[in-house]
Amino acid sequence: MRLGELEKFLDRSERVLLLLHRAPDGDTIASSLALAYYLRKIGKIADCASSEEIPKIFQFLPGISGVKSDFFLGDYDLIIAVDCGDANRTGFPARLATVCKKKPLINIDHHLKSDLHKIARLNLVDEKASAAAEIIWDILKLFGAEIDSRLATYILAGIYYDTGGFQHSNVTDKTLKIVSECLRLGGRIALISQNIGSSKSYPALKLTGIALKRIKLKSNGIITSFLTCDDLKDVGADAEDASGIVNLINSVPDSKIAILFVELPDGTIKASLRTEKDEIDVSKLARLFGGGGHHKAAGFAINGDLKRLCA
C-alpha cells in the first residue's frame, strides 16, 4: 500500500468527508469514526456520512450521533471511501463519479478490486487485512498518532465485528498484535462484546428461531434458510435484527457455504453468504448477482420470488 501518499492529500485538504458503505456494519462505522476523530485532532474538519441508518447495536460508539445522512460533496476538499467495496455500495455512486472528476477520492478497503479503484486517486487496499480497521491502524501508526482509549476502542470494534469476535479464519498474527496493543492502550473490549457480540433483542432472537427451523442442508454442502417480510412484521423486527444469523447457520460442520435470504419491505431479497473453507470464494458467487464482499463473507440483493429461491 502507498500509505505515505495519503499524507500529501491530507496536507492539501482542510475539509474531509468519509463515506460509510450501505447497510453500514461495525467495520465501516468504527473505521470511519476512528479516522475522522484523528483528523479532527490534527485540526481538520472531518465528517462521516452514511446513505442508510446506523444500526442500533452500534449506537454505543462515541461520536455516532454525528454521522450525517446528507451533505454537499462540493463542500469538501477530499473524499475517503472506507470499506465500501465498490462505488454503488457507497450509496452515492452518481454524485461520487461526478465530483471525483474535480476532487480527489481515496479508497481505503480490504476487498478485491472494484470500480472504486478506477475513480480513486489513491487506493489503500490490503486484501490480507481482517478488517478496514487494520488499515486505519497502519495509517495512525504511520502518522505517529497518539492512540487514546477512544481510538483504541474504534479499532477494536472494527476488527471484532469483521472477525466475528476473533472466531473467523481471517484472523492473523498481525490482527492479534493490533488487538493486544489496543487493549493495552485502553480499548474497551467488554463494552464492544456486550453490544456487538452478546446483545440480542427479543425480535432478533425470535427471528433466529424462525430461520433455524427452516435450514436445509443440500447434498452439495450448501446450507440455506430464509426470512420473509411477514416474519419480520410478525415479531416486530427489522432487517438489521437478522444480522449474525448467517454466521450461526455457517457453524454446521458439514456445510461448505451458508446462505441466508431476507425479504425486505420493498420486495428486494437480500442474500448473505458465508464460508469457512479456504478453497471457496463466496465473493465470486455474490458478484454473479451484482454483489460483492470478501473471500469468506459476501452478499447481494436481487428482485425475485423468495419461495422459489428457497424451494
C-alpha atoms as a PDB file:
ATOM      1  CA  MET A   1       0.000   0.000   0.000  1.00  0.00           C
ATOM      2  CA  ARG A   2       1.071   3.577  -0.611  1.00  0.00           C
ATOM      3  CA  LEU A   3       0.311   4.923   2.853  1.00  0.00           C
ATOM      4  CA  GLY A   4       2.908   7.683   2.558  1.00  0.00           C
ATOM      5  CA  GLU A   5       0.977   9.318  -0.290  1.00  0.00           C
ATOM      6  CA  LEU A   6      -2.032   9.811   1.961  1.00  0.00           C
ATOM      7  CA  GLU A   7      -0.155  12.453   3.926  1.00  0.00           C
ATOM      8  CA  LYS A   8       0.238  14.585   0.783  1.00  0.00           C
ATOM      9  CA  PHE A   9      -3.508  14.592   0.154  1.00  0.00           C
ATOM     10  CA  LEU A  10      -4.261  15.434   3.777  1.00  0.00           C
ATOM     11  CA  ASP A  11      -1.748  18.287   3.783  1.00  0.00           C
ATOM     12  CA  ARG A  12      -3.647  19.894   0.894  1.00  0.00           C
ATOM     13  CA  SER A  13      -7.089  19.351   2.416  1.00  0.00           C
ATOM     14  CA  GLU A  14      -8.945  21.147   5.196  1.00  0.00           C
ATOM     15  CA  ARG A  15     -12.395  19.554   4.894  1.00  0.00           C
ATOM     16  CA  VAL A  16     -12.605  15.770   4.601  1.00  0.00           C
ATOM     17  CA  LEU A  17     -15.677  13.576   4.057  1.00  0.00           C
ATOM     18  CA  LEU A  18     -15.580   9.890   4.996  1.00  0.00           C
ATOM     19  CA  LEU A  19     -18.200   7.695   3.311  1.00  0.00           C
ATOM     20  CA  LEU A  20     -19.560   4.590   5.028  1.00  0.00           C
ATOM     21  CA  HIS A  21     -20.977   1.803   2.886  1.00  0.00           C
ATOM     22  CA  ARG A  22     -24.673   0.986   2.509  1.00  0.00           C
ATOM     23  CA  ALA A  23     -26.130  -1.218   5.259  1.00  0.00           C
ATOM     24  CA  PRO A  24     -23.312   0.074   7.489  1.00  0.00           C
ATOM     25  CA  ASP A  25     -21.628  -2.542   9.646  1.00  0.00           C
ATOM     26  CA  GLY A  26     -19.204  -2.433  12.544  1.00  0.00           C
ATOM     27  CA  ASP A  27     -16.078  -2.166  10.423  1.00  0.00           C
ATOM     28  CA  THR A  28     -17.076   0.686   8.106  1.00  0.00           C
ATOM     29  CA  ILE A  29     -18.597   2.599  11.050  1.00  0.00           C
ATOM     30  CA  ALA A  30     -15.770   2.184  13.557  1.00  0.00           C
ATOM     31  CA  SER A  31     -13.008   2.657  10.966  1.00  0.00           C
ATOM     32  CA  SER A  32     -14.566   5.868   9.633  1.00  0.00           C
ATOM     33  CA  LEU A  33     -15.140   7.253  13.123  1.00  0.00           C
ATOM     34  CA  ALA A  34     -11.535   6.460  14.045  1.00  0.00           C
ATOM     35  CA  LEU A  35     -10.040   8.269  11.067  1.00  0.00           C
ATOM     36  CA  ALA A  36     -12.399  11.244  11.445  1.00  0.00           C
ATOM     37  CA  TYR A  37     -11.537  11.508  15.149  1.00  0.00           C
ATOM     38  CA  TYR A  38      -7.822  11.567  14.354  1.00  0.00           C
ATOM     39  CA  LEU A  39      -8.240  14.127  11.566  1.00  0.00           C
ATOM     40  CA  ARG A  40     -10.101  16.463  13.921  1.00  0.00           C
ATOM     41  CA  LYS A  41      -7.312  16.093  16.469  1.00  0.00           C
ATOM     42  CA  ILE A  42      -4.816  17.415  13.906  1.00  0.00           C
ATOM     43  CA  GLY A  43      -7.015  20.379  13.012  1.00  0.00           C
ATOM     44  CA  LYS A  44      -9.035  19.146  10.042  1.00  0.00           C
ATOM     45  CA  ILE A  45     -12.789  19.363   9.591  1.00  0.00           C
ATOM     46  CA  ALA A  46     -13.872  15.748   9.155  1.00  0.00           C
ATOM     47  CA  ASP A  47     -17.395  14.392   8.720  1.00  0.00           C
ATOM     48  CA  CYS A  48     -18.699  10.853   8.355  1.00  0.00           C
ATOM     49  CA  ALA A  49     -21.728  10.135   6.180  1.00  0.00           C
ATOM     50  CA  SER A  50     -23.977   7.159   5.512  1.00  0.00           C
ATOM     51  CA  SER A  51     -26.757   6.806   2.959  1.00  0.00           C
ATOM     52  CA  GLU A  52     -28.575   4.440   5.322  1.00  0.00           C
ATOM     53  CA  GLU A  53     -29.438   4.440   9.008  1.00  0.00           C
ATOM     54  CA  ILE A  54     -26.856   3.266  11.541  1.00  0.00           C
ATOM     55  CA  PRO A  55     -27.996   0.005  13.212  1.00  0.00           C
ATOM     56  CA  LYS A  56     -28.921   0.244  16.880  1.00  0.00           C
ATOM     57  CA  ILE A  57     -26.193  -2.129  18.068  1.00  0.00           C
ATOM     58  CA  PHE A  58     -23.511   0.400  17.105  1.00  0.00           C
ATOM     59  CA  GLN A  59     -25.062   3.355  18.915  1.00  0.00           C
ATOM     60  CA  PHE A  60     -22.667   2.814  21.824  1.00  0.00           C
ATOM     61  CA  LEU A  61     -19.716   4.081  19.797  1.00  0.00           C
ATOM     62  CA  PRO A  62     -18.735   7.648  20.724  1.00  0.00           C
ATOM     63  CA  GLY A  63     -19.461  10.213  18.027  1.00  0.00           C
ATOM     64  CA  ILE A  64     -22.033   8.036  16.267  1.00  0.00           C
ATOM     65  CA  SER A  65     -24.725  10.727  16.519  1.00  0.00           C
ATOM     66  CA  GLY A  66     -22.609  12.986  14.331  1.00  0.00           C
ATOM     67  CA  VAL A  67     -22.774  10.723  11.269  1.00  0.00           C
ATOM     68  CA  LYS A  68     -24.531  12.670   8.513  1.00  0.00           C
ATOM     69  CA  SER A  69     -27.274  11.309   6.276  1.00  0.00           C
ATOM     70  CA  ASP A  70     -26.955  14.055   3.679  1.00  0.00           C
ATOM     71  CA  PHE A  71     -24.324  16.542   2.585  1.00  0.00           C
ATOM     72  CA  PHE A  72     -22.928  18.508  -0.342  1.00  0.00           C
ATOM     73  CA  LEU A  73     -19.884  16.768  -1.795  1.00  0.00           C
ATOM     74  CA  GLY A  74     -18.768  20.138  -3.084  1.00  0.00           C
ATOM     75  CA  ASP A  75     -18.213  21.332   0.484  1.00  0.00           C
ATOM     76  CA  TYR A  76     -15.220  19.035   0.896  1.00  0.00           C
ATOM     77  CA  ASP A  77     -11.645  19.080  -0.392  1.00  0.00           C
ATOM     78  CA  LEU A  78     -11.104  15.337  -0.062  1.00  0.00           C
ATOM     79  CA  ILE A  79     -13.414  12.305  -0.050  1.00  0.00           C
ATOM     80  CA  ILE A  80     -12.456   8.992   1.554  1.00  0.00           C
ATOM     81  CA  ALA A  81     -14.464   5.810   0.996  1.00  0.00           C
ATOM     82  CA  VAL A  82     -13.941   3.379   3.866  1.00  0.00           C
ATOM     83  CA  ASP A  83     -14.601  -0.365   3.429  1.00  0.00           C
ATOM     84  CA  CYS A  84     -17.040   0.282   0.575  1.00  0.00           C
ATOM     85  CA  GLY A  85     -16.093  -2.448  -1.887  1.00  0.00           C
ATOM     86  CA  ASP A  86     -17.489  -0.614  -4.916  1.00  0.00           C
ATOM     87  CA  ALA A  87     -18.979   2.738  -5.918  1.00  0.00           C
ATOM     88  CA  ASN A  88     -22.581   1.580  -5.746  1.00  0.00           C
ATOM     89  CA  ARG A  89     -22.104   0.432  -2.170  1.00  0.00           C
ATOM     90  CA  THR A  90     -21.248   3.972  -1.086  1.00  0.00           C
ATOM     91  CA  GLY A  91     -24.902   4.849  -1.658  1.00  0.00           C
ATOM     92  CA  PHE A  92     -23.928   7.866  -3.753  1.00  0.00           C
ATOM     93  CA  PRO A  93     -22.417   6.413  -6.967  1.00  0.00           C
ATOM     94  CA  ALA A  94     -23.667   9.047  -9.432  1.00  0.00           C
ATOM     95  CA  ARG A  95     -22.742  12.018  -7.242  1.00  0.00           C
ATOM     96  CA  LEU A  96     -19.375  10.458  -6.465  1.00  0.00           C
ATOM     97  CA  ALA A  97     -18.481   9.832 -10.092  1.00  0.00           C
ATOM     98  CA  THR A  98     -19.263  13.460 -10.989  1.00  0.00           C
ATOM     99  CA  VAL A  99     -17.468  15.117  -8.084  1.00  0.00           C
ATOM    100  CA  CYS A 100     -14.380  12.904  -8.300  1.00  0.00           C
ATOM    101  CA  LYS A 101     -13.587  14.294 -11.712  1.00  0.00           C
ATOM    102  CA  LYS A 102     -12.619  17.501  -9.886  1.00  0.00           C
ATOM    103  CA  LYS A 103     -11.805  16.395  -6.345  1.00  0.00           C
ATOM    104  CA  PRO A 104      -9.676  13.521  -5.089  1.00  0.00           C
ATOM    105  CA  LEU A 105     -11.143  10.294  -3.773  1.00  0.00           C
ATOM    106  CA  ILE A 106      -9.156   7.913  -1.574  1.00  0.00           C
ATOM    107  CA  ASN A 107     -10.274   4.300  -1.364  1.00  0.00           C
ATOM    108  CA  ILE A 108      -9.437   2.521   1.910  1.00  0.00           C
ATOM    109  CA  ASP A 109     -10.509  -1.097   1.744  1.00  0.00           C
ATOM    110  CA  HIS A 110      -9.731  -4.777   2.193  1.00  0.00           C
ATOM    111  CA  HIS A 111     -11.991  -6.012  -0.609  1.00  0.00           C
ATOM    112  CA  LEU A 112     -10.990  -7.198  -4.061  1.00  0.00           C
ATOM    113  CA  LYS A 113     -10.507  -4.588  -6.765  1.00  0.00           C
ATOM    114  CA  SER A 114     -13.688  -2.806  -7.847  1.00  0.00           C
ATOM    115  CA  ASP A 115     -14.848   0.194  -9.830  1.00  0.00           C
ATOM    116  CA  LEU A 116     -13.746   2.463  -6.967  1.00  0.00           C
ATOM    117  CA  HIS A 117     -10.169   1.648  -7.947  1.00  0.00           C
ATOM    118  CA  LYS A 118     -10.753   3.341 -11.302  1.00  0.00           C
ATOM    119  CA  ILE A 119     -12.000   6.678  -9.962  1.00  0.00           C
ATOM    120  CA  ALA A 120      -9.863   6.886  -6.825  1.00  0.00           C
ATOM    121  CA  ARG A 121      -6.704   8.985  -6.902  1.00  0.00           C
ATOM    122  CA  LEU A 122      -5.217   6.707  -4.251  1.00  0.00           C
ATOM    123  CA  ASN A 123      -6.102   3.110  -3.366  1.00  0.00           C
ATOM    124  CA  LEU A 124      -5.035   1.928   0.085  1.00  0.00           C
ATOM    125  CA  VAL A 125      -6.126  -1.685  -0.194  1.00  0.00           C
ATOM    126  CA  ASP A 126      -4.869  -4.704   1.716  1.00  0.00           C
ATOM    127  CA  GLU A 127      -6.795  -7.881   0.931  1.00  0.00           C
ATOM    128  CA  LYS A 128      -4.946  -9.720   3.703  1.00  0.00           C
ATOM    129  CA  ALA A 129      -6.265  -7.371   6.383  1.00  0.00           C
ATOM    130  CA  SER A 130      -9.013  -8.858   8.543  1.00  0.00           C
ATOM    131  CA  ALA A 131     -10.831  -5.515   8.529  1.00  0.00           C
ATOM    132  CA  ALA A 132     -10.524  -1.983   7.217  1.00  0.00           C
ATOM    133  CA  ALA A 133      -9.776  -1.097  10.830  1.00  0.00           C
ATOM    134  CA  GLU A 134      -6.397  -2.807  10.444  1.00  0.00           C
ATOM    135  CA  ILE A 135      -5.549  -0.424   7.610  1.00  0.00           C
ATOM    136  CA  ILE A 136      -6.708   2.565   9.669  1.00  0.00           C
ATOM    137  CA  TRP A 137      -4.404   1.332  12.447  1.00  0.00           C
ATOM    138  CA  ASP A 138      -1.473   1.287   9.989  1.00  0.00           C
ATOM    139  CA  ILE A 139      -2.330   4.856   8.952  1.00  0.00           C
ATOM    140  CA  LEU A 140      -2.486   6.052  12.558  1.00  0.00           C
ATOM    141  CA  LYS A 141       0.844   4.426  13.389  1.00  0.00           C
ATOM    142  CA  LEU A 142       2.487   5.854  10.259  1.00  0.00           C
ATOM    143  CA  PHE A 143       1.380   9.360  11.249  1.00  0.00           C
ATOM    144  CA  GLY A 144       2.594   8.880  14.805  1.00  0.00           C
ATOM    145  CA  ALA A 145      -0.895   9.378  16.204  1.00  0.00           C
ATOM    146  CA  GLU A 146      -1.389   9.310  19.950  1.00  0.00           C
ATOM    147  CA  ILE A 147      -3.693   6.338  20.429  1.00  0.00           C
ATOM    148  CA  ASP A 148      -6.053   7.071  23.310  1.00  0.00           C
ATOM    149  CA  SER A 149      -8.792   4.814  24.715  1.00  0.00           C
ATOM    150  CA  ARG A 150     -11.363   6.131  22.228  1.00  0.00           C
ATOM    151  CA  LEU A 151      -9.213   5.439  19.170  1.00  0.00           C
ATOM    152  CA  ALA A 152      -8.249   2.014  20.506  1.00  0.00           C
ATOM    153  CA  THR A 153     -11.911   1.178  21.055  1.00  0.00           C
ATOM    154  CA  TYR A 154     -12.783   2.157  17.478  1.00  0.00           C
ATOM    155  CA  ILE A 155     -10.057  -0.096  16.054  1.00  0.00           C
ATOM    156  CA  LEU A 156     -11.048  -2.963  18.330  1.00  0.00           C
ATOM    157  CA  ALA A 157     -14.726  -2.611  17.352  1.00  0.00           C
ATOM    158  CA  GLY A 158     -13.969  -2.755  13.621  1.00  0.00           C
ATOM    159  CA  ILE A 159     -11.763  -5.821  13.968  1.00  0.00           C
ATOM    160  CA  TYR A 160     -14.123  -7.526  16.426  1.00  0.00           C
ATOM    161  CA  TYR A 161     -17.050  -7.166  14.033  1.00  0.00           C
ATOM    162  CA  ASP A 162     -15.318  -8.338  10.863  1.00  0.00           C
ATOM    163  CA  THR A 163     -13.676 -11.320  12.556  1.00  0.00           C
ATOM    164  CA  GLY A 164     -16.868 -12.465  14.291  1.00  0.00           C
ATOM    165  CA  GLY A 165     -15.375 -11.827  17.713  1.00  0.00           C
ATOM    166  CA  PHE A 166     -11.960 -13.196  16.597  1.00  0.00           C
ATOM    167  CA  GLN A 167     -13.525 -16.509  15.528  1.00  0.00           C
ATOM    168  CA  HIS A 168     -13.239 -16.296  11.725  1.00  0.00           C
ATOM    169  CA  SER A 169     -10.290 -17.606   9.761  1.00  0.00           C
ATOM    170  CA  ASN A 170      -9.343 -14.087   8.618  1.00  0.00           C
ATOM    171  CA  VAL A 171      -7.666 -13.531  11.998  1.00  0.00           C
ATOM    172  CA  THR A 172      -3.883 -13.355  11.584  1.00  0.00           C
ATOM    173  CA  ASP A 173      -0.928 -12.854  13.906  1.00  0.00           C
ATOM    174  CA  LYS A 174      -0.953  -9.178  12.890  1.00  0.00           C
ATOM    175  CA  THR A 175      -4.624  -8.933  13.836  1.00  0.00           C
ATOM    176  CA  LEU A 176      -3.928 -10.240  17.329  1.00  0.00           C
ATOM    177  CA  LYS A 177      -0.912  -7.972  17.762  1.00  0.00           C
ATOM    178  CA  ILE A 178      -3.081  -4.939  16.945  1.00  0.00           C
ATOM    179  CA  VAL A 179      -5.799  -6.179  19.308  1.00  0.00           C
ATOM    180  CA  SER A 180      -3.248  -6.659  22.076  1.00  0.00           C
ATOM    181  CA  GLU A 181      -1.888  -3.151  21.592  1.00  0.00           C
ATOM    182  CA  CYS A 182      -5.388  -1.650  21.570  1.00  0.00           C
ATOM    183  CA  LEU A 183      -6.203  -3.432  24.826  1.00  0.00           C
ATOM    184  CA  ARG A 184      -3.001  -2.106  26.376  1.00  0.00           C
ATOM    185  CA  LEU A 185      -3.995   1.414  25.319  1.00  0.00           C
ATOM    186  CA  GLY A 186      -7.441   1.237  26.918  1.00  0.00           C
ATOM    187  CA  GLY A 187      -9.634  -0.278  24.216  1.00  0.00           C
ATOM    188  CA  ARG A 188     -12.951  -1.270  25.794  1.00  0.00           C
ATOM    189  CA  ILE A 189     -13.348  -4.850  24.665  1.00  0.00           C
ATOM    190  CA  ALA A 190     -16.019  -5.693  27.256  1.00  0.00           C
ATOM    191  CA  LEU A 191     -18.198  -2.830  26.019  1.00  0.00           C
ATOM    192  CA  ILE A 192     -17.745  -3.963  22.420  1.00  0.00           C
ATOM    193  CA  SER A 193     -18.522  -7.596  23.210  1.00  0.00           C
ATOM    194  CA  GLN A 194     -21.599  -6.646  25.205  1.00  0.00           C
ATOM    195  CA  ASN A 195     -23.066  -4.507  22.417  1.00  0.00           C
ATOM    196  CA  ILE A 196     -21.955  -6.337  19.272  1.00  0.00           C
ATOM    197  CA  GLY A 197     -21.406  -9.910  20.390  1.00  0.00           C
ATOM    198  CA  SER A 198     -23.789 -10.635  23.238  1.00  0.00           C
ATOM    199  CA  SER A 199     -26.640  -8.185  22.832  1.00  0.00           C
ATOM    200  CA  LYS A 200     -29.668  -9.661  21.056  1.00  0.00           C
ATOM    201  CA  SER A 201     -33.104  -8.086  21.124  1.00  0.00           C
ATOM    202  CA  TYR A 202     -36.262 -10.124  21.640  1.00  0.00           C
ATOM    203  CA  PRO A 203     -37.259  -9.743  17.927  1.00  0.00           C
ATOM    204  CA  ALA A 204     -33.751 -10.799  16.852  1.00  0.00           C
ATOM    205  CA  LEU A 205     -33.945 -13.965  18.941  1.00  0.00           C
ATOM    206  CA  LYS A 206     -37.403 -14.752  17.550  1.00  0.00           C
ATOM    207  CA  LEU A 207     -36.089 -14.319  14.004  1.00  0.00           C
ATOM    208  CA  THR A 208     -33.179 -16.615  14.764  1.00  0.00           C
ATOM    209  CA  GLY A 209     -35.594 -19.315  15.836  1.00  0.00           C
ATOM    210  CA  ILE A 210     -37.622 -18.969  12.646  1.00  0.00           C
ATOM    211  CA  ALA A 211     -34.512 -19.130  10.462  1.00  0.00           C
ATOM    212  CA  LEU A 212     -33.165 -22.183  12.269  1.00  0.00           C
ATOM    213  CA  LYS A 213     -36.444 -24.052  11.761  1.00  0.00           C
ATOM    214  CA  ARG A 214     -36.086 -23.547   8.009  1.00  0.00           C
ATOM    215  CA  ILE A 215     -32.484 -24.560   7.456  1.00  0.00           C
ATOM    216  CA  LYS A 216     -31.843 -27.001   4.622  1.00  0.00           C
ATOM    217  CA  LEU A 217     -28.515 -28.723   4.024  1.00  0.00           C
ATOM    218  CA  LYS A 218     -28.191 -29.821   0.411  1.00  0.00           C
ATOM    219  CA  SER A 219     -26.025 -32.675  -0.822  1.00  0.00           C
ATOM    220  CA  ASN A 220     -23.564 -30.193  -2.370  1.00  0.00           C
ATOM    221  CA  GLY A 221     -22.801 -28.740   1.062  1.00  0.00           C
ATOM    222  CA  ILE A 222     -24.837 -25.548   0.666  1.00  0.00           C
ATOM    223  CA  ILE A 223     -26.977 -24.777   3.716  1.00  0.00           C
ATOM    224  CA  THR A 224     -29.757 -22.217   3.345  1.00  0.00           C
ATOM    225  CA  SER A 225     -32.551 -20.544   5.239  1.00  0.00           C
ATOM    226  CA  PHE A 226     -34.840 -17.595   4.678  1.00  0.00           C
ATOM    227  CA  LEU A 227     -36.910 -14.932   6.393  1.00  0.00           C
ATOM    228  CA  THR A 228     -39.927 -13.271   4.788  1.00  0.00           C
ATOM    229  CA  CYS A 229     -41.145  -9.741   5.179  1.00  0.00           C
ATOM    230  CA  ASP A 230     -44.125 -11.169   7.085  1.00  0.00           C
ATOM    231  CA  ASP A 231     -41.732 -12.898   9.503  1.00  0.00           C
ATOM    232  CA  LEU A 232     -40.161  -9.554  10.332  1.00  0.00           C
ATOM    233  CA  LYS A 233     -43.577  -7.945  10.845  1.00  0.00           C
ATOM    234  CA  ASP A 234     -44.885 -10.796  13.000  1.00  0.00           C
ATOM    235  CA  VAL A 235     -42.108 -10.460  15.574  1.00  0.00           C
ATOM    236  CA  GLY A 236     -41.716  -6.683  15.323  1.00  0.00           C
ATOM    237  CA  ALA A 237     -38.246  -6.893  13.774  1.00  0.00           C
ATOM    238  CA  ASP A 238     -36.421  -5.098  11.009  1.00  0.00           C
ATOM    239  CA  ALA A 239     -33.758  -6.325   8.610  1.00  0.00           C
ATOM    240  CA  GLU A 240     -30.853  -5.461  10.918  1.00  0.00           C
ATOM    241  CA  ASP A 241     -32.228  -7.911  13.507  1.00  0.00           C
ATOM    242  CA  ALA A 242     -31.280 -10.702  11.090  1.00  0.00           C
ATOM    243  CA  SER A 243     -27.629  -9.704  11.331  1.00  0.00           C
ATOM    244  CA  GLY A 244     -25.448 -12.565  12.514  1.00  0.00           C
ATOM    245  CA  ILE A 245     -27.902 -15.372  11.781  1.00  0.00           C
ATOM    246  CA  VAL A 246     -25.968 -16.472   8.711  1.00  0.00           C
ATOM    247  CA  ASN A 247     -22.860 -16.944  10.864  1.00  0.00           C
ATOM    248  CA  LEU A 248     -24.814 -19.285  13.139  1.00  0.00           C
ATOM    249  CA  ILE A 249     -26.055 -21.275  10.150  1.00  0.00           C
ATOM    250  CA  ASN A 250     -22.485 -21.450   8.877  1.00  0.00           C
ATOM    251  CA  SER A 251     -21.419 -23.277  12.055  1.00  0.00           C
ATOM    252  CA  VAL A 252     -22.883 -26.586  10.814  1.00  0.00           C
ATOM    253  CA  PRO A 253     -19.796 -28.821  10.317  1.00  0.00           C
ATOM    254  CA  ASP A 254     -20.975 -30.477   7.089  1.00  0.00           C
ATOM    255  CA  SER A 255     -21.734 -27.208   5.302  1.00  0.00           C
ATOM    256  CA  LYS A 256     -19.479 -25.573   2.731  1.00  0.00           C
ATOM    257  CA  ILE A 257     -21.472 -22.404   2.044  1.00  0.00           C
ATOM    258  CA  ALA A 258     -24.204 -20.846   4.183  1.00  0.00           C
ATOM    259  CA  ILE A 259     -26.775 -18.526   2.602  1.00  0.00           C
ATOM    260  CA  LEU A 260     -29.499 -16.578   4.375  1.00  0.00           C
ATOM    261  CA  PHE A 261     -32.170 -14.879   2.260  1.00  0.00           C
ATOM    262  CA  VAL A 262     -34.075 -11.988   3.835  1.00  0.00           C
ATOM    263  CA  GLU A 263     -37.070 -10.394   2.119  1.00  0.00           C
ATOM    264  CA  LEU A 264     -37.161  -6.633   2.646  1.00  0.00           C
ATOM    265  CA  PRO A 265     -40.321  -4.452   2.771  1.00  0.00           C
ATOM    266  CA  ASP A 266     -39.680  -3.096  -0.735  1.00  0.00           C
ATOM    267  CA  GLY A 267     -39.657  -6.615  -2.188  1.00  0.00           C
ATOM    268  CA  THR A 268     -35.888  -6.837  -2.520  1.00  0.00           C
ATOM    269  CA  ILE A 269     -34.289 -10.094  -1.423  1.00  0.00           C
ATOM    270  CA  LYS A 270     -31.024  -9.668   0.435  1.00  0.00           C
ATOM    271  CA  ALA A 271     -28.672 -12.658   0.468  1.00  0.00           C
ATOM    272  CA  SER A 272     -25.814 -13.070   2.951  1.00  0.00           C
ATOM    273  CA  LEU A 273     -23.145 -15.677   2.171  1.00  0.00           C
ATOM    274  CA  ARG A 274     -20.530 -17.219   4.478  1.00  0.00           C
ATOM    275  CA  THR A 275     -17.941 -19.985   4.319  1.00  0.00           C
ATOM    276  CA  GLU A 276     -15.006 -21.161   6.385  1.00  0.00           C
ATOM    277  CA  LYS A 277     -13.475 -23.182   3.553  1.00  0.00           C
ATOM    278  CA  ASP A 278     -10.192 -21.772   2.219  1.00  0.00           C
ATOM    279  CA  GLU A 279     -10.833 -23.196  -1.247  1.00  0.00           C
ATOM    280  CA  ILE A 280     -14.217 -21.447  -1.621  1.00  0.00           C
ATOM    281  CA  ASP A 281     -14.622 -17.768  -2.550  1.00  0.00           C
ATOM    282  CA  VAL A 282     -18.200 -16.670  -1.900  1.00  0.00           C
ATOM    283  CA  SER A 283     -17.474 -13.181  -3.268  1.00  0.00           C
ATOM    284  CA  LYS A 284     -17.304 -14.698  -6.774  1.00  0.00           C
ATOM    285  CA  LEU A 285     -20.806 -16.073  -6.326  1.00  0.00           C
ATOM    286  CA  ALA A 286     -22.053 -12.743  -4.981  1.00  0.00           C
ATOM    287  CA  ARG A 287     -20.576 -10.851  -7.938  1.00  0.00           C
ATOM    288  CA  LEU A 288     -22.587 -13.022 -10.348  1.00  0.00           C
ATOM    289  CA  PHE A 289     -25.676 -11.329  -8.897  1.00  0.00           C
ATOM    290  CA  GLY A 290     -24.255  -7.805  -8.769  1.00  0.00           C
ATOM    291  CA  GLY A 291     -22.992  -8.035  -5.206  1.00  0.00           C
ATOM    292  CA  GLY A 292     -19.589  -8.428  -3.676  1.00  0.00           C
ATOM    293  CA  GLY A 293     -17.658  -8.851  -0.479  1.00  0.00           C
ATOM    294  CA  HIS A 294     -14.795 -10.889   0.845  1.00  0.00           C
ATOM    295  CA  HIS A 295     -13.401 -14.337   0.150  1.00  0.00           C
ATOM    296  CA  LYS A 296     -15.402 -15.838   3.024  1.00  0.00           C
ATOM    297  CA  ALA A 297     -18.159 -13.275   3.606  1.00  0.00           C
ATOM    298  CA  ALA A 298     -20.209 -11.648   0.863  1.00  0.00           C
ATOM    299  CA  GLY A 299     -23.688 -10.629  -0.151  1.00  0.00           C
ATOM    300  CA  PHE A 300     -26.003  -9.449  -2.895  1.00  0.00           C
ATOM    301  CA  ALA A 301     -29.528  -8.130  -3.381  1.00  0.00           C
ATOM    302  CA  ILE A 302     -31.974  -9.150  -6.105  1.00  0.00           C
ATOM    303  CA  ASN A 303     -35.642  -8.954  -7.002  1.00  0.00           C
ATOM    304  CA  GLY A 304     -37.455 -12.260  -7.254  1.00  0.00           C
ATOM    305  CA  ASP A 305     -39.713 -14.850  -5.675  1.00  0.00           C
ATOM    306  CA  LEU A 306     -38.326 -15.812  -2.268  1.00  0.00           C
ATOM    307  CA  LYS A 307     -40.291 -19.074  -2.087  1.00  0.00           C
ATOM    308  CA  ARG A 308     -38.899 -20.244  -5.434  1.00  0.00           C
ATOM    309  CA  LEU A 309     -35.350 -19.297  -4.403  1.00  0.00           C
ATOM    310  CA  CYS A 310     -35.589 -21.349  -1.227  1.00  0.00           C
ATOM    311  CA  ALA A 311     -37.579 -24.295  -2.587  1.00  0.00           C
END
